[in-house]
Amino acid sequence: MNKQLIIDNVQIAVYENRKEMGVAAARCVENLYQSIAGEKDTLNMIFAAAPSQNEFLDALCDSSVIDFSRINAFHMDEYVGLSHDSPQSFSHYLTEHLFSRRKFRSVNLINGNTDNPEEECRRYGLLLDSYPPDIVCAGVGENGHIAFNDPDAADFLDPLCMKVVILDPVCRQQQVNDGCFAVLEDVPEKAMTLTIPTLACARYKVFVVPSGRKAKAVHDMFLSERSEKVPASVIRGDSSSSVFLDKESAALLLEGKGIRWEACS
C-alpha cells in the first residue's frame, strides 16, 4: 500500500506499517547525510525522543552508510525537573535508543534537572548557534505540536532559540497514552523546548509520524490553515521537509477528496 504525494512542496510517503515507515525514513536520512558529508567534515543533527521514533531509530542505528563519529547530536526538548537517569526523561530515551548504540562526535544533552531552566535554555541555544542544525529528525504530537511547541506556545516568528513552556493537557495526556507515565498527574507541567524557528532553520527536516492517534494532526497540518493552531503546519511550502507516515496516521489524508497518490517503493 506504499503511497506518496506532494502537498505544498512537502514530500509525504505512507507505508503499510511502522517498521517499513521507519526503515524508509532512515534511508532518507542516509541520503541526506551523504549529500551533506560531501560538503563538510562534521554534521549537526537534532533528534526527537518519543516511542513514535522507535522503529526509525532502530533502522538508523543499523546504518552502514552513516559515519556517526562525524555527527554532533542534540535533542529538541526536555521536561523540567527530571534527571538524566529518569526513565521518562528524553535524554534517557535517546541515550538508550541511539546515543549509547553508536559513537557520535559529540552528544549534547539538555539538563532537565537544572535549578535555572531559563539559563539552561540560553546555554543550549548558544551551543546550537555554534553548531547550526543540518538535519532535524522530528515527530508530530496529537495536538499538532513540534517538540514541545504546543498550540498555545507555538510562535512561527519566535525570537528565542529555546524556551520554557507550560505543557497543555492534550500534550501531557499523550505522554500517558504513549505509556511513558502511569497517570496524567505524574507528567511534568513544564518543559524546555527548541522553538519552531530553530527547528525550521535546519537544512533538512525528516518527520516520522505513526499511529492513528496522530491522524487528525496529520490531516490538519496539510489540509487546514497554516497557523500556530497546528504548529506542524509550519512546514507547508518547505521543500526541505519530508514526512513519513504509516497507514493509520495517514488515514484521513488517504480519504481526502481530490488528492492524487502515487505508488512509492
Protein backbone atom coordinates (compact mmCIF):
# COMPACT_ATOMS: atom_id res chain seq x y z
CA MET A 1 0.00 0.00 0.00
CA ASN A 2 3.04 2.28 -0.07
CA LYS A 3 1.99 5.66 -1.50
CA GLN A 4 3.41 9.12 -1.90
CA LEU A 5 2.38 12.60 -2.89
CA ILE A 6 3.47 16.20 -2.56
CA ILE A 7 1.37 18.81 -0.76
CA ASP A 8 2.62 22.41 -0.69
CA ASN A 9 6.10 21.24 -1.77
CA VAL A 10 6.36 18.73 1.11
CA GLN A 11 7.09 15.11 0.15
CA ILE A 12 4.76 12.71 2.01
CA ALA A 13 5.18 8.93 1.98
CA VAL A 14 2.82 6.37 3.52
CA TYR A 15 3.82 2.82 4.42
CA GLU A 16 1.90 -0.27 5.38
CA ASN A 17 3.32 -0.46 8.90
CA ARG A 18 5.62 1.27 11.36
CA LYS A 19 8.66 -0.84 10.54
CA GLU A 20 8.53 -0.07 6.82
CA MET A 21 7.97 3.59 7.65
CA GLY A 22 10.95 3.68 10.00
CA VAL A 23 13.27 1.97 7.53
CA ALA A 24 12.24 4.35 4.74
CA ALA A 25 12.83 7.39 6.95
CA ALA A 26 16.28 6.07 7.92
CA ARG A 27 17.17 5.60 4.24
CA CYS A 28 16.10 9.20 3.63
CA VAL A 29 18.43 10.40 6.41
CA GLU A 30 21.24 8.30 4.95
CA ASN A 31 20.81 10.07 1.61
CA LEU A 32 20.77 13.48 3.27
CA TYR A 33 23.85 12.57 5.29
CA GLN A 34 25.75 11.57 2.16
CA SER A 35 24.82 14.81 0.44
CA ILE A 36 25.99 16.99 3.35
CA ALA A 37 29.03 14.85 4.23
CA GLY A 38 30.37 15.51 0.76
CA GLU A 39 30.48 19.23 1.59
CA LYS A 40 31.95 19.34 5.10
CA ASP A 41 33.68 17.21 7.72
CA THR A 42 31.09 17.33 10.51
CA LEU A 43 27.29 17.42 10.64
CA ASN A 44 24.85 18.62 13.28
CA MET A 45 21.65 16.67 13.91
CA ILE A 46 18.69 17.14 16.26
CA PHE A 47 16.59 14.15 17.33
CA ALA A 48 13.12 13.75 18.79
CA ALA A 49 12.56 11.50 21.79
CA ALA A 50 9.28 9.55 21.77
CA PRO A 51 8.04 5.99 21.25
CA SER A 52 6.89 7.11 17.78
CA GLN A 53 10.57 7.21 16.82
CA ASN A 54 11.44 3.65 17.91
CA GLU A 55 11.38 1.98 14.50
CA PHE A 56 13.15 4.86 12.82
CA LEU A 57 15.96 5.00 15.39
CA ASP A 58 16.41 1.21 15.24
CA ALA A 59 16.84 1.40 11.48
CA LEU A 60 19.15 4.39 11.77
CA CYS A 61 21.38 2.59 14.27
CA ASP A 62 21.73 -0.27 11.78
CA SER A 63 23.04 2.07 9.09
CA SER A 64 26.32 1.14 7.42
CA VAL A 65 26.26 4.38 5.42
CA ILE A 66 26.39 6.99 8.19
CA ASP A 67 29.65 7.72 9.99
CA PHE A 68 28.24 8.76 13.35
CA SER A 69 31.68 9.89 14.53
CA ARG A 70 31.22 12.92 12.27
CA ILE A 71 27.89 13.94 13.86
CA ASN A 72 27.28 16.38 16.70
CA ALA A 73 24.00 15.22 18.24
CA PHE A 74 21.34 17.29 20.01
CA HIS A 75 17.79 16.74 21.18
CA MET A 76 14.88 19.13 20.93
CA ASP A 77 13.12 19.18 24.30
CA GLU A 78 13.20 18.00 27.89
CA TYR A 79 10.94 18.01 30.94
CA VAL A 80 11.77 20.46 33.71
CA GLY A 81 12.54 18.63 36.95
CA LEU A 82 13.57 15.21 35.64
CA SER A 83 17.14 13.99 35.99
CA HIS A 84 19.06 12.42 33.12
CA ASP A 85 18.68 8.93 34.58
CA SER A 86 14.90 9.20 34.97
CA PRO A 87 13.30 6.65 32.62
CA GLN A 88 10.84 9.30 31.41
CA SER A 89 13.46 11.90 30.52
CA PHE A 90 14.14 12.47 26.85
CA SER A 91 17.89 12.41 27.35
CA HIS A 92 17.50 8.93 28.88
CA TYR A 93 15.34 7.79 25.96
CA LEU A 94 17.79 8.99 23.33
CA THR A 95 20.79 7.60 25.21
CA GLU A 96 19.12 4.19 25.35
CA HIS A 97 17.79 4.15 21.79
CA LEU A 98 20.58 5.96 19.95
CA PHE A 99 23.48 7.67 21.72
CA SER A 100 24.73 4.56 23.52
CA ARG A 101 24.41 2.40 20.39
CA ARG A 102 26.64 4.38 18.01
CA LYS A 103 29.74 6.50 18.58
CA PHE A 104 28.97 10.17 17.93
CA ARG A 105 31.43 13.04 17.60
CA SER A 106 29.58 14.71 20.47
CA VAL A 107 26.30 14.23 22.34
CA ASN A 108 24.80 17.38 23.82
CA LEU A 109 22.09 16.74 26.40
CA ILE A 110 19.59 19.19 27.87
CA ASN A 111 19.79 19.28 31.68
CA GLY A 112 16.20 18.89 32.80
CA ASN A 113 17.12 18.89 36.49
CA THR A 114 18.68 22.34 36.46
CA ASP A 115 17.77 24.90 39.11
CA ASN A 116 17.58 27.56 36.40
CA PRO A 117 15.71 26.36 33.28
CA GLU A 118 15.91 29.77 31.60
CA GLU A 119 19.69 29.77 31.91
CA GLU A 120 19.81 26.20 30.58
CA CYS A 121 17.83 27.37 27.57
CA ARG A 122 20.36 30.12 26.96
CA ARG A 123 23.26 27.69 27.33
CA TYR A 124 21.80 25.19 24.90
CA GLY A 125 20.81 27.92 22.48
CA LEU A 126 24.40 29.15 22.36
CA LEU A 127 25.53 25.60 21.57
CA LEU A 128 23.16 25.47 18.62
CA ASP A 129 24.37 28.87 17.47
CA SER A 130 27.82 27.30 17.25
CA TYR A 131 26.52 24.13 15.59
CA PRO A 132 23.67 25.12 13.23
CA PRO A 133 21.46 22.10 12.54
CA ASP A 134 21.84 20.28 9.24
CA ILE A 135 19.14 17.64 9.80
CA VAL A 136 16.22 17.60 12.23
CA CYS A 137 14.54 14.24 12.87
CA ALA A 138 11.17 15.08 14.39
CA GLY A 139 7.75 13.76 15.28
CA VAL A 140 4.35 15.44 15.49
CA GLY A 141 2.15 15.40 18.57
CA GLU A 142 -1.52 14.57 18.84
CA ASN A 143 -2.26 18.30 19.15
CA GLY A 144 0.00 19.07 16.17
CA HIS A 145 2.97 20.13 18.28
CA ILE A 146 6.60 20.02 17.13
CA ALA A 147 8.95 19.35 20.03
CA PHE A 148 7.06 20.89 22.95
CA ASN A 149 5.68 23.80 20.94
CA ASP A 150 2.01 23.21 21.76
CA PRO A 151 -0.58 25.43 20.04
CA ASP A 152 -0.67 27.96 22.88
CA ALA A 153 3.14 28.19 22.98
CA ALA A 154 3.92 27.96 19.27
CA ASP A 155 5.25 31.05 17.50
CA PHE A 156 6.34 30.81 13.88
CA LEU A 157 8.38 34.01 14.40
CA ASP A 158 9.68 33.22 17.89
CA PRO A 159 12.75 35.37 18.64
CA LEU A 160 14.09 32.79 21.09
CA CYS A 161 16.18 29.75 20.21
CA MET A 162 14.88 27.74 23.17
CA LYS A 163 12.36 28.48 25.89
CA VAL A 164 10.48 27.18 28.92
CA VAL A 165 6.84 26.26 28.24
CA ILE A 166 3.80 25.07 30.17
CA LEU A 167 2.52 21.89 28.57
CA ASP A 168 -1.13 21.76 27.60
CA PRO A 169 -3.42 18.93 28.83
CA VAL A 170 -3.57 17.19 25.42
CA CYS A 171 0.20 17.07 25.23
CA ARG A 172 0.51 15.76 28.78
CA GLN A 173 -2.18 13.13 28.18
CA GLN A 174 -0.27 11.95 25.10
CA GLN A 175 2.63 11.03 27.37
CA VAL A 176 0.24 8.77 29.29
CA ASN A 177 -1.19 7.37 26.04
CA ASP A 178 2.37 6.55 24.93
CA GLY A 179 2.95 4.61 28.14
CA CYS A 180 5.65 6.96 29.40
CA PHE A 181 3.71 7.86 32.57
CA ALA A 182 1.05 5.95 34.50
CA VAL A 183 -1.35 8.85 35.07
CA LEU A 184 -1.69 12.47 33.98
CA GLU A 185 -0.71 13.79 37.41
CA ASP A 186 2.74 12.21 37.00
CA VAL A 187 3.54 14.16 33.83
CA PRO A 188 5.58 17.33 34.49
CA GLU A 189 3.76 20.55 33.71
CA LYS A 190 6.81 22.42 32.40
CA ALA A 191 9.42 21.66 29.78
CA MET A 192 12.23 23.27 27.80
CA THR A 193 11.91 23.20 24.03
CA LEU A 194 13.68 24.39 20.95
CA THR A 195 11.42 26.92 19.26
CA ILE A 196 9.83 26.45 15.87
CA PRO A 197 12.22 28.80 14.01
CA THR A 198 15.20 26.92 15.49
CA LEU A 199 13.87 23.63 14.14
CA ALA A 200 12.68 25.09 10.85
CA CYS A 201 16.06 26.65 10.08
CA ALA A 202 17.69 23.22 9.63
CA ARG A 203 18.73 22.44 6.07
CA TYR A 204 16.55 19.33 6.08
CA LYS A 205 13.64 18.13 8.21
CA VAL A 206 12.51 14.50 8.39
CA PHE A 207 9.21 13.85 10.20
CA VAL A 208 8.31 10.34 11.39
CA VAL A 209 4.65 10.18 12.43
CA PRO A 210 2.95 6.82 13.03
CA SER A 211 -0.29 5.90 14.89
CA GLY A 212 -3.96 6.51 14.34
CA ARG A 213 -3.90 8.88 17.30
CA LYS A 214 -1.96 11.28 15.04
CA ALA A 215 -4.37 11.06 12.08
CA LYS A 216 -6.21 14.31 12.80
CA ALA A 217 -2.96 16.19 13.44
CA VAL A 218 -1.53 14.90 10.14
CA HIS A 219 -4.70 15.88 8.30
CA ASP A 220 -4.72 19.35 9.83
CA MET A 221 -1.02 20.06 9.23
CA PHE A 222 -1.63 19.75 5.49
CA LEU A 223 -5.30 20.43 4.88
CA SER A 224 -6.18 23.16 7.37
CA GLU A 225 -4.94 26.73 7.62
CA ARG A 226 -1.20 27.16 8.15
CA SER A 227 -1.12 28.67 11.63
CA GLU A 228 0.15 28.23 15.16
CA LYS A 229 -3.13 26.45 15.97
CA VAL A 230 -1.49 23.47 14.23
CA PRO A 231 2.23 24.04 14.90
CA ALA A 232 3.33 21.30 12.48
CA SER A 233 1.68 23.21 9.63
CA VAL A 234 4.75 25.46 9.65
CA ILE A 235 6.40 23.06 7.16
CA ARG A 236 3.83 23.84 4.45
CA GLY A 237 5.68 25.22 1.44
CA ASP A 238 9.04 23.90 2.67
CA SER A 239 10.57 21.58 0.07
CA SER A 240 13.35 20.65 2.52
CA SER A 241 10.83 18.72 4.64
CA SER A 242 9.87 15.07 4.20
CA VAL A 243 7.10 13.29 6.12
CA PHE A 244 6.88 9.54 6.72
CA LEU A 245 3.57 8.04 7.85
CA ASP A 246 2.04 4.64 8.43
CA LYS A 247 -1.42 3.84 7.11
CA GLU A 248 -3.06 4.65 10.45
CA SER A 249 -1.61 8.15 10.78
CA ALA A 250 -2.36 8.82 7.09
CA ALA A 251 -5.95 7.57 7.26
CA LEU A 252 -7.65 10.96 6.96
CA LEU A 253 -5.25 12.13 4.26
CA LEU A 254 -5.91 8.95 2.29
CA GLU A 255 -9.60 9.79 2.37
CA GLY A 256 -9.07 13.38 1.27
CA LYS A 257 -11.00 14.43 -1.82
CA GLY A 258 -9.00 15.44 -4.87
CA ILE A 259 -5.69 14.10 -3.52
CA ARG A 260 -3.83 12.07 -6.12
CA TRP A 261 -1.48 9.47 -4.66
CA GLU A 262 1.29 7.63 -6.48
CA ALA A 263 2.96 4.32 -5.64
CA CYS A 264 6.33 4.50 -3.88
CA SER A 265 8.95 1.88 -3.09
